[in-house]
């Protein structure tokens, strides 16, 4: 008998097809409130697995209604939507899909640095709108000699640092502790913001980092600074970011993630100081297929009694 699995997010066919081959899938994400309640009541007692996207949430209140739950498999590197402590106490395994998306996410971070420094999105609109016929595009800013301040020097943070060094940038970072790297370590996030021309958010999301980048940090980054976020929207106080941009106390921002995505504040949509992307950090065919392989592979390995491919818990 195939195990019953609850699916909490819209996932690509190249993940769902192999998942259906190893499990009976219940599409929780597309049910209305009444259907969700019925699904939890009827199928909840036999659900043994949960599969979710990195940006979705598995609240404790829901997991408590799944008494047979054994594994939560996350299609993504971030698992801030999983109550890990609760899962540990219950003996529920948790997996994610690390490493395989490092290069793609780092590439997007560098793209946002380039787009904001050279104002490439505005320049593209300048050509499309026929403005070039009226005169040259305003001068932008070079990267060489500037400092990239990376918040969170994990796998992705290191990959970003390597790429930006190739652009002639200096690198500083802040994290839980100093690492054996050649980059400058800053004891506080405020110190990092003060020395950075570009503050790049590459740390995990979750309650521990919520609004870590607040008005004080943005003020320390200053009117010549640019914020880049490829991590989680929750790490940045979006209201403080809007205020800083509107006051001109921040040069710009490049954002691939948002606090309440896919909703984006109107002020950000209208701002010429911001480059906006729809959370495409890992959005390539190659990476998403490898993520799908790991996500399904973890589920299959667990129910076959084999070692998990990429365990978190």
Protein backbone atom coordinates (compact mmCIF):
# COMPACT_ATOMS: atom_id res chain seq x y z
CA UNK A 1 0.00 0.00 0.00
CA UNK A 2 1.26 3.47 -0.89
CA UNK A 3 1.47 5.90 2.03
CA UNK A 4 -0.92 8.86 2.12
CA UNK A 5 0.74 12.25 1.66
CA UNK A 6 -0.69 15.75 2.12
CA UNK A 7 0.48 18.28 -0.49
CA UNK A 8 0.47 21.86 0.84
CA UNK A 9 1.48 23.83 -2.27
CA UNK A 10 1.11 23.92 -6.04
CA UNK A 11 4.09 21.86 -7.24
CA UNK A 12 5.34 21.20 -10.79
CA UNK A 13 4.28 18.13 -12.73
CA UNK A 14 7.88 16.87 -12.82
CA UNK A 15 7.63 16.57 -9.03
CA UNK A 16 4.04 15.41 -8.72
CA UNK A 17 4.28 12.59 -11.26
CA UNK A 18 7.08 10.71 -9.47
CA UNK A 19 5.50 11.55 -6.09
CA UNK A 20 2.22 9.94 -7.17
CA UNK A 21 4.21 6.86 -8.14
CA UNK A 22 5.30 6.37 -4.52
CA UNK A 23 2.42 7.89 -2.53
CA UNK A 24 -1.30 8.65 -2.54
CA UNK A 25 -1.41 12.44 -2.82
CA UNK A 26 -4.09 14.66 -1.27
CA UNK A 27 -4.05 18.20 -2.69
CA UNK A 28 -4.67 20.28 0.40
CA UNK A 29 -3.48 23.54 -1.20
CA UNK A 30 -6.31 23.89 -3.72
CA UNK A 31 -9.18 22.98 -1.38
CA UNK A 32 -11.46 25.64 0.10
CA UNK A 33 -11.85 25.92 3.87
CA UNK A 34 -14.72 23.44 4.04
CA UNK A 35 -12.92 20.89 1.89
CA UNK A 36 -9.72 21.30 3.92
CA UNK A 37 -11.63 20.58 7.10
CA UNK A 38 -13.24 17.53 5.52
CA UNK A 39 -9.87 16.32 4.23
CA UNK A 40 -8.25 16.64 7.65
CA UNK A 41 -11.17 14.85 9.27
CA UNK A 42 -11.39 12.00 6.78
CA UNK A 43 -7.81 11.48 5.61
CA UNK A 44 -5.90 13.12 8.48
CA UNK A 45 -5.58 9.97 10.63
CA UNK A 46 -3.83 8.08 7.81
CA UNK A 47 -1.59 10.88 6.46
CA UNK A 48 2.03 9.77 6.89
CA UNK A 49 3.82 12.47 4.90
CA UNK A 50 3.59 16.18 4.09
CA UNK A 51 5.14 17.71 0.98
CA UNK A 52 5.38 21.49 0.76
CA UNK A 53 7.20 24.32 -1.00
CA UNK A 54 9.87 26.38 0.71
CA UNK A 55 7.56 29.36 1.08
CA UNK A 56 4.52 27.49 2.41
CA UNK A 57 3.60 26.89 6.04
CA UNK A 58 2.76 23.76 8.03
CA UNK A 59 1.23 25.12 11.26
CA UNK A 60 1.37 23.07 14.44
CA UNK A 61 -2.43 23.17 14.66
CA UNK A 62 -2.65 21.28 11.37
CA UNK A 63 0.15 18.82 12.13
CA UNK A 64 -1.57 17.92 15.39
CA UNK A 65 -4.44 16.56 13.32
CA UNK A 66 -2.08 14.16 11.54
CA UNK A 67 -1.35 11.55 14.25
CA UNK A 68 0.38 9.14 11.83
CA UNK A 69 2.70 11.79 10.33
CA UNK A 70 6.29 10.58 9.87
CA UNK A 71 7.98 13.00 7.44
CA UNK A 72 7.77 16.56 6.10
CA UNK A 73 9.60 16.98 2.79
CA UNK A 74 10.25 20.58 1.70
CA UNK A 75 10.69 21.47 -1.97
CA UNK A 76 13.24 24.22 -1.28
CA UNK A 77 16.26 25.03 0.85
CA UNK A 78 14.30 27.19 3.31
CA UNK A 79 12.19 25.37 5.89
CA UNK A 80 11.11 28.31 8.05
CA UNK A 81 7.47 27.30 7.44
CA UNK A 82 8.06 24.04 9.34
CA UNK A 83 7.83 23.98 13.17
CA UNK A 84 11.09 22.09 13.48
CA UNK A 85 11.10 21.97 17.29
CA UNK A 86 7.62 20.46 17.31
CA UNK A 87 8.63 17.90 14.69
CA UNK A 88 11.70 16.92 16.72
CA UNK A 89 9.58 16.31 19.80
CA UNK A 90 7.16 14.13 17.83
CA UNK A 91 9.91 12.26 15.99
CA UNK A 92 8.77 13.59 12.62
CA UNK A 93 11.57 13.70 10.03
CA UNK A 94 12.12 16.96 8.11
CA UNK A 95 14.03 17.26 4.82
CA UNK A 96 14.84 20.05 2.36
CA UNK A 97 16.72 20.44 -0.93
CA UNK A 98 20.01 22.26 -0.20
CA UNK A 99 23.08 22.78 -2.40
CA UNK A 100 21.39 22.22 -5.76
CA UNK A 101 20.00 25.77 -5.89
CA UNK A 102 23.08 27.59 -4.56
CA UNK A 103 24.46 28.72 -7.92
CA UNK A 104 21.14 29.90 -9.35
CA UNK A 105 20.24 31.94 -6.25
CA UNK A 106 23.73 33.45 -6.13
CA UNK A 107 23.41 34.39 -9.80
CA UNK A 108 20.16 36.24 -9.08
CA UNK A 109 21.80 38.13 -6.21
CA UNK A 110 24.58 39.28 -8.52
CA UNK A 111 22.04 40.17 -11.21
CA UNK A 112 20.19 42.37 -8.72
CA UNK A 113 23.44 44.06 -7.69
CA UNK A 114 24.19 44.80 -11.35
CA UNK A 115 20.64 45.87 -12.15
CA UNK A 116 20.49 48.31 -9.25
CA UNK A 117 24.00 49.72 -9.61
CA UNK A 118 23.82 50.18 -13.39
CA UNK A 119 20.07 50.89 -13.36
CA UNK A 120 19.54 48.27 -16.05
CA UNK A 121 15.78 47.85 -15.63
CA UNK A 122 15.29 51.62 -15.95
CA UNK A 123 17.66 51.69 -18.93
CA UNK A 124 15.66 48.96 -20.67
CA UNK A 125 12.43 50.92 -20.13
CA UNK A 126 14.23 54.05 -21.40
CA UNK A 127 14.84 52.35 -24.76
CA UNK A 128 11.37 50.78 -25.01
CA UNK A 129 9.63 54.08 -24.24
CA UNK A 130 11.50 55.94 -26.97
CA UNK A 131 13.35 58.16 -24.50
CA UNK A 132 16.74 57.44 -26.09
CA UNK A 133 15.74 59.56 -29.08
CA UNK A 134 15.58 62.53 -26.72
CA UNK A 135 19.01 62.13 -25.14
CA UNK A 136 21.40 59.81 -23.36
CA UNK A 137 20.49 57.71 -20.32
CA UNK A 138 21.81 59.15 -17.01
CA UNK A 139 25.08 57.80 -15.68
CA UNK A 140 24.89 54.97 -13.15
CA UNK A 141 27.42 53.51 -10.69
CA UNK A 142 30.30 51.03 -11.09
CA UNK A 143 30.85 48.00 -8.84
CA UNK A 144 34.66 48.01 -8.64
CA UNK A 145 35.94 49.16 -5.29
CA UNK A 146 32.52 48.96 -3.64
CA UNK A 147 31.79 46.75 -0.63
CA UNK A 148 29.26 43.93 -0.60
CA UNK A 149 28.03 43.27 2.92
CA UNK A 150 26.59 39.75 3.09
CA UNK A 151 24.19 38.88 5.90
CA UNK A 152 24.57 35.12 6.27
CA UNK A 153 27.74 33.54 4.85
CA UNK A 154 26.38 30.06 4.26
CA UNK A 155 26.56 28.15 0.98
CA UNK A 156 24.66 30.81 -0.94
CA UNK A 157 26.42 33.70 0.80
CA UNK A 158 29.83 32.27 -0.11
CA UNK A 159 28.78 31.75 -3.73
CA UNK A 160 27.62 35.38 -3.89
CA UNK A 161 30.91 36.55 -2.40
CA UNK A 162 32.95 34.64 -5.01
CA UNK A 163 30.97 36.16 -7.84
CA UNK A 164 31.15 39.72 -6.55
CA UNK A 165 34.88 39.49 -5.90
CA UNK A 166 35.21 38.76 -9.62
CA UNK A 167 33.51 42.13 -10.21
CA UNK A 168 36.20 43.90 -8.22
CA UNK A 169 34.16 44.29 -5.05
CA UNK A 170 35.32 43.98 -1.45
CA UNK A 171 33.37 41.56 0.74
CA UNK A 172 32.36 41.83 4.39
CA UNK A 173 29.89 39.63 6.26
CA UNK A 174 27.95 39.12 9.46
CA UNK A 175 26.68 35.87 10.92
CA UNK A 176 26.50 33.92 14.15
CA UNK A 177 30.28 33.59 14.25
CA UNK A 178 33.42 34.42 12.30
CA UNK A 179 34.53 31.87 9.71
CA UNK A 180 37.90 30.84 8.30
CA UNK A 181 37.53 33.02 5.19
CA UNK A 182 39.47 35.99 3.82
CA UNK A 183 36.50 38.34 4.08
CA UNK A 184 36.03 40.92 6.81
CA UNK A 185 33.82 39.79 9.68
CA UNK A 186 31.55 42.38 11.31
CA UNK A 187 30.50 41.77 14.90
CA UNK A 188 27.05 43.30 14.34
CA UNK A 189 24.63 43.74 11.49
CA UNK A 190 24.72 47.50 12.06
CA UNK A 191 28.50 47.52 11.58
CA UNK A 192 28.05 45.53 8.37
CA UNK A 193 25.47 48.00 7.09
CA UNK A 194 27.76 50.92 7.90
CA UNK A 195 30.65 49.53 5.82
CA UNK A 196 28.54 48.16 2.95
CA UNK A 197 27.54 49.80 -0.29
CA UNK A 198 25.27 46.80 -0.97
CA UNK A 199 23.70 44.93 1.95
CA UNK A 200 22.82 41.47 0.65
CA UNK A 201 20.40 39.38 2.71
CA UNK A 202 21.28 35.69 2.41
CA UNK A 203 20.28 34.34 5.85
CA UNK A 204 17.46 31.92 6.70
CA UNK A 205 13.95 33.17 7.42
CA UNK A 206 11.84 32.36 10.44
CA UNK A 207 10.98 34.00 13.78
CA UNK A 208 14.63 34.44 14.74
CA UNK A 209 15.40 36.69 11.77
CA UNK A 210 12.05 38.45 11.32
CA UNK A 211 12.61 42.17 10.60
CA UNK A 212 16.32 41.78 11.33
CA UNK A 213 16.83 44.46 8.69
CA UNK A 214 14.82 47.28 10.24
CA UNK A 215 14.80 51.08 10.10
CA UNK A 216 18.02 51.34 12.14
CA UNK A 217 19.90 49.00 9.82
CA UNK A 218 18.60 50.79 6.72
CA UNK A 219 19.66 54.10 8.26
CA UNK A 220 23.15 52.68 8.84
CA UNK A 221 23.27 51.56 5.19
CA UNK A 222 22.61 55.17 4.27
CA UNK A 223 21.63 57.24 1.23
CA UNK A 224 24.38 55.74 -0.94
CA UNK A 225 23.48 52.18 0.02
CA UNK A 226 21.41 49.52 -1.73
CA UNK A 227 19.54 46.60 -0.16
CA UNK A 228 19.46 43.25 -1.96
CA UNK A 229 17.20 40.45 -0.67
CA UNK A 230 17.26 36.94 -2.12
CA UNK A 231 16.52 35.17 1.19
CA UNK A 232 13.08 35.60 2.77
CA UNK A 233 10.83 38.65 2.70
CA UNK A 234 10.26 38.36 6.44
CA UNK A 235 13.89 39.29 7.20
CA UNK A 236 13.29 42.88 6.00
CA UNK A 237 10.84 45.30 7.60
CA UNK A 238 9.03 46.17 4.38
CA UNK A 239 7.36 49.26 5.85
CA UNK A 240 10.73 50.62 6.96
CA UNK A 241 12.16 49.88 3.52
CA UNK A 242 9.36 51.80 1.79
CA UNK A 243 9.85 54.74 4.15
CA UNK A 244 13.62 54.82 3.54
CA UNK A 245 13.15 54.76 -0.23
CA UNK A 246 10.51 57.48 -0.16
CA UNK A 247 12.68 59.72 2.05
CA UNK A 248 15.72 59.16 -0.15
CA UNK A 249 17.68 57.80 2.81
CA UNK A 250 18.44 54.69 0.74
CA UNK A 251 19.65 54.70 -2.86
CA UNK A 252 17.76 51.62 -3.95
CA UNK A 253 16.76 48.01 -3.49
CA UNK A 254 16.78 44.80 -5.49
CA UNK A 255 14.18 42.32 -4.25
CA UNK A 256 13.40 38.74 -5.25
CA UNK A 257 11.34 38.06 -2.11
CA UNK A 258 8.65 39.96 -0.23
CA UNK A 259 7.04 39.92 3.18
CA UNK A 260 3.58 38.88 1.95
CA UNK A 261 4.32 37.54 -1.52
CA UNK A 262 2.92 37.40 -4.08
CA UNK A 263 1.44 40.69 -2.81
CA UNK A 264 3.89 43.57 -3.30
CA UNK A 265 3.28 47.01 -1.73
CA UNK A 266 2.06 49.60 -4.20
CA UNK A 267 4.84 51.94 -3.10
CA UNK A 268 7.46 49.42 -4.23
CA UNK A 269 5.68 48.80 -7.53
CA UNK A 270 5.75 52.51 -8.30
CA UNK A 271 9.28 53.22 -7.13
CA UNK A 272 11.97 53.84 -9.73
CA UNK A 273 14.55 53.06 -7.04
CA UNK A 274 13.61 49.38 -6.87
CA UNK A 275 14.14 46.31 -9.05
CA UNK A 276 11.47 43.67 -8.42
CA UNK A 277 11.61 39.97 -9.31
CA UNK A 278 8.91 37.32 -8.64
CA UNK A 279 10.92 34.98 -6.35
CA UNK A 280 12.89 33.38 -9.20
CA UNK A 281 16.11 32.69 -7.30
CA UNK A 282 16.01 28.94 -7.98
CA UNK A 283 13.77 29.30 -11.02
CA UNK A 284 15.58 27.30 -13.68
CA UNK A 285 14.51 24.03 -15.26
CA UNK A 286 17.74 22.36 -14.22
CA UNK A 287 17.62 23.37 -10.58
CA UNK A 288 13.91 22.84 -10.00
CA UNK A 289 14.10 19.34 -11.47
CA UNK A 290 17.01 18.47 -9.20
CA UNK A 291 15.09 19.91 -6.24
CA UNK A 292 12.12 17.74 -7.21
CA UNK A 293 14.36 14.68 -7.37
CA UNK A 294 15.57 15.32 -3.81
CA UNK A 295 12.09 16.16 -2.48
CA UNK A 296 10.53 12.94 -3.82
CA UNK A 297 13.69 10.96 -3.12
CA UNK A 298 13.49 11.81 0.57
CA UNK A 299 9.87 10.66 0.74
CA UNK A 300 10.64 7.43 -1.12
CA UNK A 301 13.74 6.72 0.98
CA UNK A 302 11.87 7.21 4.25
CA UNK A 303 9.05 4.85 3.41
CA UNK A 304 11.51 2.29 2.03
CA UNK A 305 13.39 2.35 5.34
CA UNK A 306 16.47 3.86 3.71
CA UNK A 307 18.69 6.79 4.74
CA UNK A 308 17.28 10.22 3.92
CA UNK A 309 19.07 12.09 1.13
CA UNK A 310 19.08 15.53 2.76
CA UNK A 311 17.82 15.40 6.35
CA UNK A 312 17.18 18.47 8.50
CA UNK A 313 15.71 16.48 11.41
